[in-house]
């Protein structure tokens, strides 16, 4: 896909890898709208990088409908969705988890992504074209101690992506799963403050580059799944 002039929606993009992706796609000529739950940081980021801001919580169905309504009123058409909104909460022992932990994390990581993807797929089917980039995690490939809630949500995103891929290819809809390893951003922090970058970790721009490259592949082919590891984090 030639990114110039394409209309792309990125969720959870007020900071971190969502912001880095939006900025990179805008520089490539795409029209980009970004969403986030917090309006203050969202509008600040949008002004900084030249994106169109749409405040909303992807775990709320009414917000999902409104996000698309505002997006289409602005751009008229959608060419790609980057399902980036997510939480790293839920790093608890199995003995310490409760139902609210599961509901909170799955509400954003899985249910939010599912509703955003369903809505995008409806438009893509009608126009016989579209791209869905789901952001998974290396935790979608291998679980870890005290990570049952988070890892399970990302395993579910991986399974969902596989199913969508089988359903949607006949409509010329590409579904790509990107699995980042640890990225030092505000993701998962209590205070929401971004962590300082260290050379040993994957940078947000590394993931943004992977997303951009997947979208730029000719429409006759697509990457099904791509995992980005730090070379030597130890």
C-alpha atoms as a PDB file:
ATOM      1  CA  UNK A   1       0.000   0.000   0.000  1.00  0.00           C
ATOM      2  CA  UNK A   2       1.251   3.420  -0.906  1.00  0.00           C
ATOM      3  CA  UNK A   3       0.782   5.370   2.318  1.00  0.00           C
ATOM      4  CA  UNK A   4       0.482   8.755   0.648  1.00  0.00           C
ATOM      5  CA  UNK A   5      -3.064  10.045   1.103  1.00  0.00           C
ATOM      6  CA  UNK A   6      -4.265   6.925   2.941  1.00  0.00           C
ATOM      7  CA  UNK A   7      -6.526   7.337   5.984  1.00  0.00           C
ATOM      8  CA  UNK A   8      -5.333   5.475   9.071  1.00  0.00           C
ATOM      9  CA  UNK A   9      -6.780   5.169  12.581  1.00  0.00           C
ATOM     10  CA  UNK A  10      -4.460   4.326  15.487  1.00  0.00           C
ATOM     11  CA  UNK A  11      -5.802   3.567  18.968  1.00  0.00           C
ATOM     12  CA  UNK A  12      -3.902   4.267  22.174  1.00  0.00           C
ATOM     13  CA  UNK A  13      -1.610   6.685  20.384  1.00  0.00           C
ATOM     14  CA  UNK A  14      -1.082   9.629  22.709  1.00  0.00           C
ATOM     15  CA  UNK A  15       2.379   8.310  23.638  1.00  0.00           C
ATOM     16  CA  UNK A  16       4.760   5.395  23.275  1.00  0.00           C
ATOM     17  CA  UNK A  17       4.736   3.177  20.209  1.00  0.00           C
ATOM     18  CA  UNK A  18       1.310   4.435  19.115  1.00  0.00           C
ATOM     19  CA  UNK A  19       2.620   7.983  18.940  1.00  0.00           C
ATOM     20  CA  UNK A  20       5.821   6.856  17.208  1.00  0.00           C
ATOM     21  CA  UNK A  21       3.770   4.961  14.627  1.00  0.00           C
ATOM     22  CA  UNK A  22       1.449   7.891  13.977  1.00  0.00           C
ATOM     23  CA  UNK A  23       4.370  10.254  13.518  1.00  0.00           C
ATOM     24  CA  UNK A  24       6.139   7.886  11.102  1.00  0.00           C
ATOM     25  CA  UNK A  25       3.016   7.302   9.003  1.00  0.00           C
ATOM     26  CA  UNK A  26       2.276  11.029   8.840  1.00  0.00           C
ATOM     27  CA  UNK A  27       5.802  11.695   7.593  1.00  0.00           C
ATOM     28  CA  UNK A  28       5.151   9.068   4.886  1.00  0.00           C
ATOM     29  CA  UNK A  29       2.132  11.072   3.697  1.00  0.00           C
ATOM     30  CA  UNK A  30      -0.764   9.319   5.446  1.00  0.00           C
ATOM     31  CA  UNK A  31      -3.709  11.066   7.080  1.00  0.00           C
ATOM     32  CA  UNK A  32      -3.710   9.787  10.659  1.00  0.00           C
ATOM     33  CA  UNK A  33      -6.253   9.997  13.465  1.00  0.00           C
ATOM     34  CA  UNK A  34      -5.201   8.976  16.973  1.00  0.00           C
ATOM     35  CA  UNK A  35      -7.320   7.977  19.954  1.00  0.00           C
ATOM     36  CA  UNK A  36      -6.740   7.800  23.697  1.00  0.00           C
ATOM     37  CA  UNK A  37      -8.793   7.835  26.884  1.00  0.00           C
ATOM     38  CA  UNK A  38      -7.076  10.948  28.270  1.00  0.00           C
ATOM     39  CA  UNK A  39      -7.971  14.004  26.213  1.00  0.00           C
ATOM     40  CA  UNK A  40      -5.240  16.326  27.568  1.00  0.00           C
ATOM     41  CA  UNK A  41      -2.287  14.199  26.430  1.00  0.00           C
ATOM     42  CA  UNK A  42      -4.123  13.197  23.246  1.00  0.00           C
ATOM     43  CA  UNK A  43      -4.634  16.748  22.026  1.00  0.00           C
ATOM     44  CA  UNK A  44      -1.090  17.715  23.004  1.00  0.00           C
ATOM     45  CA  UNK A  45       0.339  14.823  20.969  1.00  0.00           C
ATOM     46  CA  UNK A  46      -1.948  15.476  18.009  1.00  0.00           C
ATOM     47  CA  UNK A  47      -0.801  19.090  17.833  1.00  0.00           C
ATOM     48  CA  UNK A  48       2.840  18.040  18.145  1.00  0.00           C
ATOM     49  CA  UNK A  49       2.851  15.480  15.311  1.00  0.00           C
ATOM     50  CA  UNK A  50       0.042  16.745  13.067  1.00  0.00           C
ATOM     51  CA  UNK A  51      -2.504  14.020  13.766  1.00  0.00           C
ATOM     52  CA  UNK A  52      -6.280  14.309  14.110  1.00  0.00           C
ATOM     53  CA  UNK A  53      -7.371  13.577  17.724  1.00  0.00           C
ATOM     54  CA  UNK A  54     -10.471  11.585  18.698  1.00  0.00           C
ATOM     55  CA  UNK A  55     -10.941  11.056  22.425  1.00  0.00           C
ATOM     56  CA  UNK A  56     -12.458   7.705  23.318  1.00  0.00           C
ATOM     57  CA  UNK A  57     -12.233   4.492  25.319  1.00  0.00           C
ATOM     58  CA  UNK A  58     -12.177   1.397  23.093  1.00  0.00           C
ATOM     59  CA  UNK A  59     -13.646  -0.742  25.890  1.00  0.00           C
ATOM     60  CA  UNK A  60     -16.901   1.266  25.655  1.00  0.00           C
ATOM     61  CA  UNK A  61     -19.031   0.300  22.664  1.00  0.00           C
ATOM     62  CA  UNK A  62     -20.638   3.729  22.348  1.00  0.00           C
ATOM     63  CA  UNK A  63     -17.167   5.296  22.195  1.00  0.00           C
ATOM     64  CA  UNK A  64     -16.141   2.860  19.459  1.00  0.00           C
ATOM     65  CA  UNK A  65     -19.148   3.903  17.350  1.00  0.00           C
ATOM     66  CA  UNK A  66     -18.405   7.581  17.972  1.00  0.00           C
ATOM     67  CA  UNK A  67     -14.706   7.219  17.100  1.00  0.00           C
ATOM     68  CA  UNK A  68     -15.600   5.817  13.676  1.00  0.00           C
ATOM     69  CA  UNK A  69     -18.328   8.384  13.110  1.00  0.00           C
ATOM     70  CA  UNK A  70     -15.912  11.246  13.796  1.00  0.00           C
ATOM     71  CA  UNK A  71     -13.162   9.618  11.726  1.00  0.00           C
ATOM     72  CA  UNK A  72     -15.379   9.116   8.679  1.00  0.00           C
ATOM     73  CA  UNK A  73     -16.861  12.589   8.989  1.00  0.00           C
ATOM     74  CA  UNK A  74     -13.305  13.930   8.788  1.00  0.00           C
ATOM     75  CA  UNK A  75     -11.749  11.645   6.156  1.00  0.00           C
ATOM     76  CA  UNK A  76     -14.673   9.952   4.360  1.00  0.00           C
ATOM     77  CA  UNK A  77     -12.953   6.570   4.143  1.00  0.00           C
ATOM     78  CA  UNK A  78     -10.706   4.325   6.245  1.00  0.00           C
ATOM     79  CA  UNK A  79      -7.809   2.346   4.771  1.00  0.00           C
ATOM     80  CA  UNK A  80      -6.148   0.906   7.877  1.00  0.00           C
ATOM     81  CA  UNK A  81      -6.711   0.353  11.584  1.00  0.00           C
ATOM     82  CA  UNK A  82      -3.818  -0.050  14.019  1.00  0.00           C
ATOM     83  CA  UNK A  83      -5.246  -1.732  17.135  1.00  0.00           C
ATOM     84  CA  UNK A  84      -2.636  -0.476  19.594  1.00  0.00           C
ATOM     85  CA  UNK A  85      -4.602   0.438  22.741  1.00  0.00           C
ATOM     86  CA  UNK A  86      -3.568  -1.862  25.560  1.00  0.00           C
ATOM     87  CA  UNK A  87      -2.749  -2.373  29.219  1.00  0.00           C
ATOM     88  CA  UNK A  88       0.172  -4.178  30.845  1.00  0.00           C
ATOM     89  CA  UNK A  89      -1.659  -4.506  34.151  1.00  0.00           C
ATOM     90  CA  UNK A  90      -2.301  -7.931  35.612  1.00  0.00           C
ATOM     91  CA  UNK A  91       1.191  -9.025  36.656  1.00  0.00           C
ATOM     92  CA  UNK A  92       0.007 -10.905  39.709  1.00  0.00           C
ATOM     93  CA  UNK A  93       0.367 -14.363  41.137  1.00  0.00           C
ATOM     94  CA  UNK A  94      -2.497 -16.707  40.319  1.00  0.00           C
ATOM     95  CA  UNK A  95      -3.347 -16.600  44.025  1.00  0.00           C
ATOM     96  CA  UNK A  96      -3.745 -12.815  43.991  1.00  0.00           C
ATOM     97  CA  UNK A  97      -5.853 -12.330  40.867  1.00  0.00           C
ATOM     98  CA  UNK A  98      -9.554 -11.623  41.011  1.00  0.00           C
ATOM     99  CA  UNK A  99     -12.347 -11.266  38.469  1.00  0.00           C
ATOM    100  CA  UNK A 100     -11.946  -7.496  38.215  1.00  0.00           C
ATOM    101  CA  UNK A 101      -8.296  -7.923  37.139  1.00  0.00           C
ATOM    102  CA  UNK A 102      -9.362 -10.137  34.248  1.00  0.00           C
ATOM    103  CA  UNK A 103     -12.255  -7.900  33.254  1.00  0.00           C
ATOM    104  CA  UNK A 104     -10.167  -4.719  33.313  1.00  0.00           C
ATOM    105  CA  UNK A 105      -7.278  -6.021  31.193  1.00  0.00           C
ATOM    106  CA  UNK A 106      -9.413  -8.033  28.770  1.00  0.00           C
ATOM    107  CA  UNK A 107     -11.764  -5.061  28.406  1.00  0.00           C
ATOM    108  CA  UNK A 108      -9.031  -3.057  26.681  1.00  0.00           C
ATOM    109  CA  UNK A 109      -6.605  -5.640  25.285  1.00  0.00           C
ATOM    110  CA  UNK A 110      -9.147  -8.038  23.800  1.00  0.00           C
ATOM    111  CA  UNK A 111     -12.712  -6.725  23.865  1.00  0.00           C
ATOM    112  CA  UNK A 112     -11.697  -3.212  22.803  1.00  0.00           C
ATOM    113  CA  UNK A 113      -9.540  -4.542  19.973  1.00  0.00           C
ATOM    114  CA  UNK A 114     -12.367  -6.878  18.943  1.00  0.00           C
ATOM    115  CA  UNK A 115     -14.950  -4.096  18.720  1.00  0.00           C
ATOM    116  CA  UNK A 116     -12.602  -1.750  16.881  1.00  0.00           C
ATOM    117  CA  UNK A 117     -11.666  -4.541  14.462  1.00  0.00           C
ATOM    118  CA  UNK A 118     -15.259  -5.594  13.822  1.00  0.00           C
ATOM    119  CA  UNK A 119     -16.248  -2.033  12.967  1.00  0.00           C
ATOM    120  CA  UNK A 120     -13.263  -1.577  10.659  1.00  0.00           C
ATOM    121  CA  UNK A 121     -13.922  -4.926   8.955  1.00  0.00           C
ATOM    122  CA  UNK A 122     -17.488  -3.850   8.156  1.00  0.00           C
ATOM    123  CA  UNK A 123     -16.245  -0.806   6.260  1.00  0.00           C
ATOM    124  CA  UNK A 124     -13.402  -2.765   4.646  1.00  0.00           C
ATOM    125  CA  UNK A 125     -15.778  -5.475   3.417  1.00  0.00           C
ATOM    126  CA  UNK A 126     -18.040  -2.898   1.785  1.00  0.00           C
ATOM    127  CA  UNK A 127     -15.102  -1.284  -0.041  1.00  0.00           C
ATOM    128  CA  UNK A 128     -13.395  -4.657  -0.716  1.00  0.00           C
ATOM    129  CA  UNK A 129     -10.136  -3.440   0.796  1.00  0.00           C
ATOM    130  CA  UNK A 130      -8.509  -2.701   4.137  1.00  0.00           C
ATOM    131  CA  UNK A 131      -5.730  -3.380   6.626  1.00  0.00           C
ATOM    132  CA  UNK A 132      -5.917  -4.340  10.289  1.00  0.00           C
ATOM    133  CA  UNK A 133      -2.737  -4.279  12.369  1.00  0.00           C
ATOM    134  CA  UNK A 134      -3.226  -5.884  15.787  1.00  0.00           C
ATOM    135  CA  UNK A 135      -0.546  -5.229  18.387  1.00  0.00           C
ATOM    136  CA  UNK A 136       0.167  -8.404  20.318  1.00  0.00           C
ATOM    137  CA  UNK A 137       3.232  -9.119  22.426  1.00  0.00           C
ATOM    138  CA  UNK A 138       5.964 -11.686  22.871  1.00  0.00           C
ATOM    139  CA  UNK A 139       3.739 -12.632  25.828  1.00  0.00           C
ATOM    140  CA  UNK A 140       1.340 -13.952  23.162  1.00  0.00           C
ATOM    141  CA  UNK A 141       3.958 -16.584  22.319  1.00  0.00           C
ATOM    142  CA  UNK A 142       5.120 -17.701  25.759  1.00  0.00           C
ATOM    143  CA  UNK A 143       3.674 -17.203  29.213  1.00  0.00           C
ATOM    144  CA  UNK A 144       5.650 -16.158  32.267  1.00  0.00           C
ATOM    145  CA  UNK A 145       5.299 -16.351  36.038  1.00  0.00           C
ATOM    146  CA  UNK A 146       2.769 -13.874  37.453  1.00  0.00           C
ATOM    147  CA  UNK A 147       1.654 -12.917  33.955  1.00  0.00           C
ATOM    148  CA  UNK A 148      -1.455 -15.028  33.491  1.00  0.00           C
ATOM    149  CA  UNK A 149      -3.888 -12.114  33.022  1.00  0.00           C
ATOM    150  CA  UNK A 150      -1.777 -10.099  30.601  1.00  0.00           C
ATOM    151  CA  UNK A 151      -0.385 -13.069  28.670  1.00  0.00           C
ATOM    152  CA  UNK A 152      -3.830 -14.658  28.344  1.00  0.00           C
ATOM    153  CA  UNK A 153      -5.204 -11.414  26.869  1.00  0.00           C
ATOM    154  CA  UNK A 154      -2.422 -11.340  24.276  1.00  0.00           C
ATOM    155  CA  UNK A 155      -2.737 -15.056  23.476  1.00  0.00           C
ATOM    156  CA  UNK A 156      -6.402 -14.267  22.817  1.00  0.00           C
ATOM    157  CA  UNK A 157      -5.495 -11.378  20.494  1.00  0.00           C
ATOM    158  CA  UNK A 158      -3.238 -13.756  18.570  1.00  0.00           C
ATOM    159  CA  UNK A 159      -6.003 -16.336  18.202  1.00  0.00           C
ATOM    160  CA  UNK A 160      -8.491 -13.659  17.203  1.00  0.00           C
ATOM    161  CA  UNK A 161      -6.085 -12.370  14.554  1.00  0.00           C
ATOM    162  CA  UNK A 162      -5.756 -15.874  13.083  1.00  0.00           C
ATOM    163  CA  UNK A 163      -9.533 -16.187  12.833  1.00  0.00           C
ATOM    164  CA  UNK A 164      -9.983 -12.760  11.274  1.00  0.00           C
ATOM    165  CA  UNK A 165      -7.288 -13.558   8.725  1.00  0.00           C
ATOM    166  CA  UNK A 166      -9.166 -16.650   7.559  1.00  0.00           C
ATOM    167  CA  UNK A 167     -12.491 -14.813   7.399  1.00  0.00           C
ATOM    168  CA  UNK A 168     -11.370 -11.596   5.745  1.00  0.00           C
ATOM    169  CA  UNK A 169      -8.813 -12.471   3.076  1.00  0.00           C
ATOM    170  CA  UNK A 170     -11.583 -13.027   0.501  1.00  0.00           C
ATOM    171  CA  UNK A 171     -12.509  -9.358   0.920  1.00  0.00           C
ATOM    172  CA  UNK A 172      -8.925  -8.183   0.260  1.00  0.00           C
ATOM    173  CA  UNK A 173      -8.505  -7.367   3.943  1.00  0.00           C
ATOM    174  CA  UNK A 174      -5.038  -7.963   5.371  1.00  0.00           C
ATOM    175  CA  UNK A 175      -4.761  -8.838   9.077  1.00  0.00           C
ATOM    176  CA  UNK A 176      -1.280  -8.529  10.549  1.00  0.00           C
ATOM    177  CA  UNK A 177      -0.175  -9.303  14.106  1.00  0.00           C
ATOM    178  CA  UNK A 178       2.881  -7.432  15.424  1.00  0.00           C
ATOM    179  CA  UNK A 179       4.450  -8.855  18.604  1.00  0.00           C
ATOM    180  CA  UNK A 180       6.759  -6.367  20.313  1.00  0.00           C
ATOM    181  CA  UNK A 181       9.107  -7.438  23.061  1.00  0.00           C
ATOM    182  CA  UNK A 182       9.662  -5.090  26.004  1.00  0.00           C
ATOM    183  CA  UNK A 183       9.495  -1.455  24.893  1.00  0.00           C
ATOM    184  CA  UNK A 184      10.502   1.157  27.519  1.00  0.00           C
ATOM    185  CA  UNK A 185       7.500   3.483  27.383  1.00  0.00           C
ATOM    186  CA  UNK A 186       4.769   4.486  29.837  1.00  0.00           C
ATOM    187  CA  UNK A 187       3.032   1.186  29.053  1.00  0.00           C
ATOM    188  CA  UNK A 188       2.292  -0.600  32.316  1.00  0.00           C
ATOM    189  CA  UNK A 189       3.457   2.160  34.637  1.00  0.00           C
ATOM    190  CA  UNK A 190       1.250   3.360  37.490  1.00  0.00           C
ATOM    191  CA  UNK A 191       2.108   7.045  37.052  1.00  0.00           C
ATOM    192  CA  UNK A 192       1.849   7.055  33.253  1.00  0.00           C
ATOM    193  CA  UNK A 193       5.321   8.556  32.914  1.00  0.00           C
ATOM    194  CA  UNK A 194       7.376   7.228  30.036  1.00  0.00           C
ATOM    195  CA  UNK A 195      10.514   5.330  30.992  1.00  0.00           C
ATOM    196  CA  UNK A 196      13.900   6.531  29.709  1.00  0.00           C
ATOM    197  CA  UNK A 197      15.100   4.814  26.578  1.00  0.00           C
ATOM    198  CA  UNK A 198      17.996   2.400  26.900  1.00  0.00           C
ATOM    199  CA  UNK A 199      19.905   1.091  23.898  1.00  0.00           C
ATOM    200  CA  UNK A 200      19.510  -2.517  25.033  1.00  0.00           C
ATOM    201  CA  UNK A 201      15.726  -2.405  24.610  1.00  0.00           C
ATOM    202  CA  UNK A 202      13.509  -2.195  21.539  1.00  0.00           C
ATOM    203  CA  UNK A 203      12.554   1.412  20.818  1.00  0.00           C
ATOM    204  CA  UNK A 204       9.039   2.614  19.917  1.00  0.00           C
ATOM    205  CA  UNK A 205      10.391   3.640  16.513  1.00  0.00           C
ATOM    206  CA  UNK A 206      11.505   0.038  15.896  1.00  0.00           C
ATOM    207  CA  UNK A 207       7.909  -1.153  16.275  1.00  0.00           C
ATOM    208  CA  UNK A 208       6.645   1.805  14.246  1.00  0.00           C
ATOM    209  CA  UNK A 209       9.013   0.803  11.441  1.00  0.00           C
ATOM    210  CA  UNK A 210       7.665  -2.771  11.529  1.00  0.00           C
ATOM    211  CA  UNK A 211       4.077  -1.509  11.289  1.00  0.00           C
ATOM    212  CA  UNK A 212       4.912   0.899   8.477  1.00  0.00           C
ATOM    213  CA  UNK A 213       6.767  -1.807   6.541  1.00  0.00           C
ATOM    214  CA  UNK A 214       3.856  -4.230   6.897  1.00  0.00           C
ATOM    215  CA  UNK A 215       1.429  -1.635   5.561  1.00  0.00           C
ATOM    216  CA  UNK A 216       3.721  -0.640   2.693  1.00  0.00           C
ATOM    217  CA  UNK A 217       4.007  -4.169   1.306  1.00  0.00           C
ATOM    218  CA  UNK A 218       2.263  -4.437  -2.058  1.00  0.00           C
ATOM    219  CA  UNK A 219      -1.448  -5.199  -1.678  1.00  0.00           C
ATOM    220  CA  UNK A 220      -0.986  -8.537  -3.441  1.00  0.00           C
ATOM    221  CA  UNK A 221       0.761  -9.962  -0.341  1.00  0.00           C
ATOM    222  CA  UNK A 222       0.933  -9.481   3.400  1.00  0.00           C
ATOM    223  CA  UNK A 223       2.815 -10.424   6.553  1.00  0.00           C
ATOM    224  CA  UNK A 224       0.708 -12.636   8.813  1.00  0.00           C
ATOM    225  CA  UNK A 225       2.742 -12.190  11.997  1.00  0.00           C
ATOM    226  CA  UNK A 226       5.947 -10.386  12.898  1.00  0.00           C
ATOM    227  CA  UNK A 227       7.795 -10.551  16.218  1.00  0.00           C
ATOM    228  CA  UNK A 228      10.333  -7.893  17.178  1.00  0.00           C
ATOM    229  CA  UNK A 229      12.946  -8.895  19.756  1.00  0.00           C
ATOM    230  CA  UNK A 230      15.693  -6.874  21.408  1.00  0.00           C
ATOM    231  CA  UNK A 231      19.046  -8.166  20.163  1.00  0.00           C
ATOM    232  CA  UNK A 232      20.752  -8.396  23.558  1.00  0.00           C
ATOM    233  CA  UNK A 233      18.706  -7.000  26.460  1.00  0.00           C
ATOM    234  CA  UNK A 234      20.812  -8.900  28.995  1.00  0.00           C
END
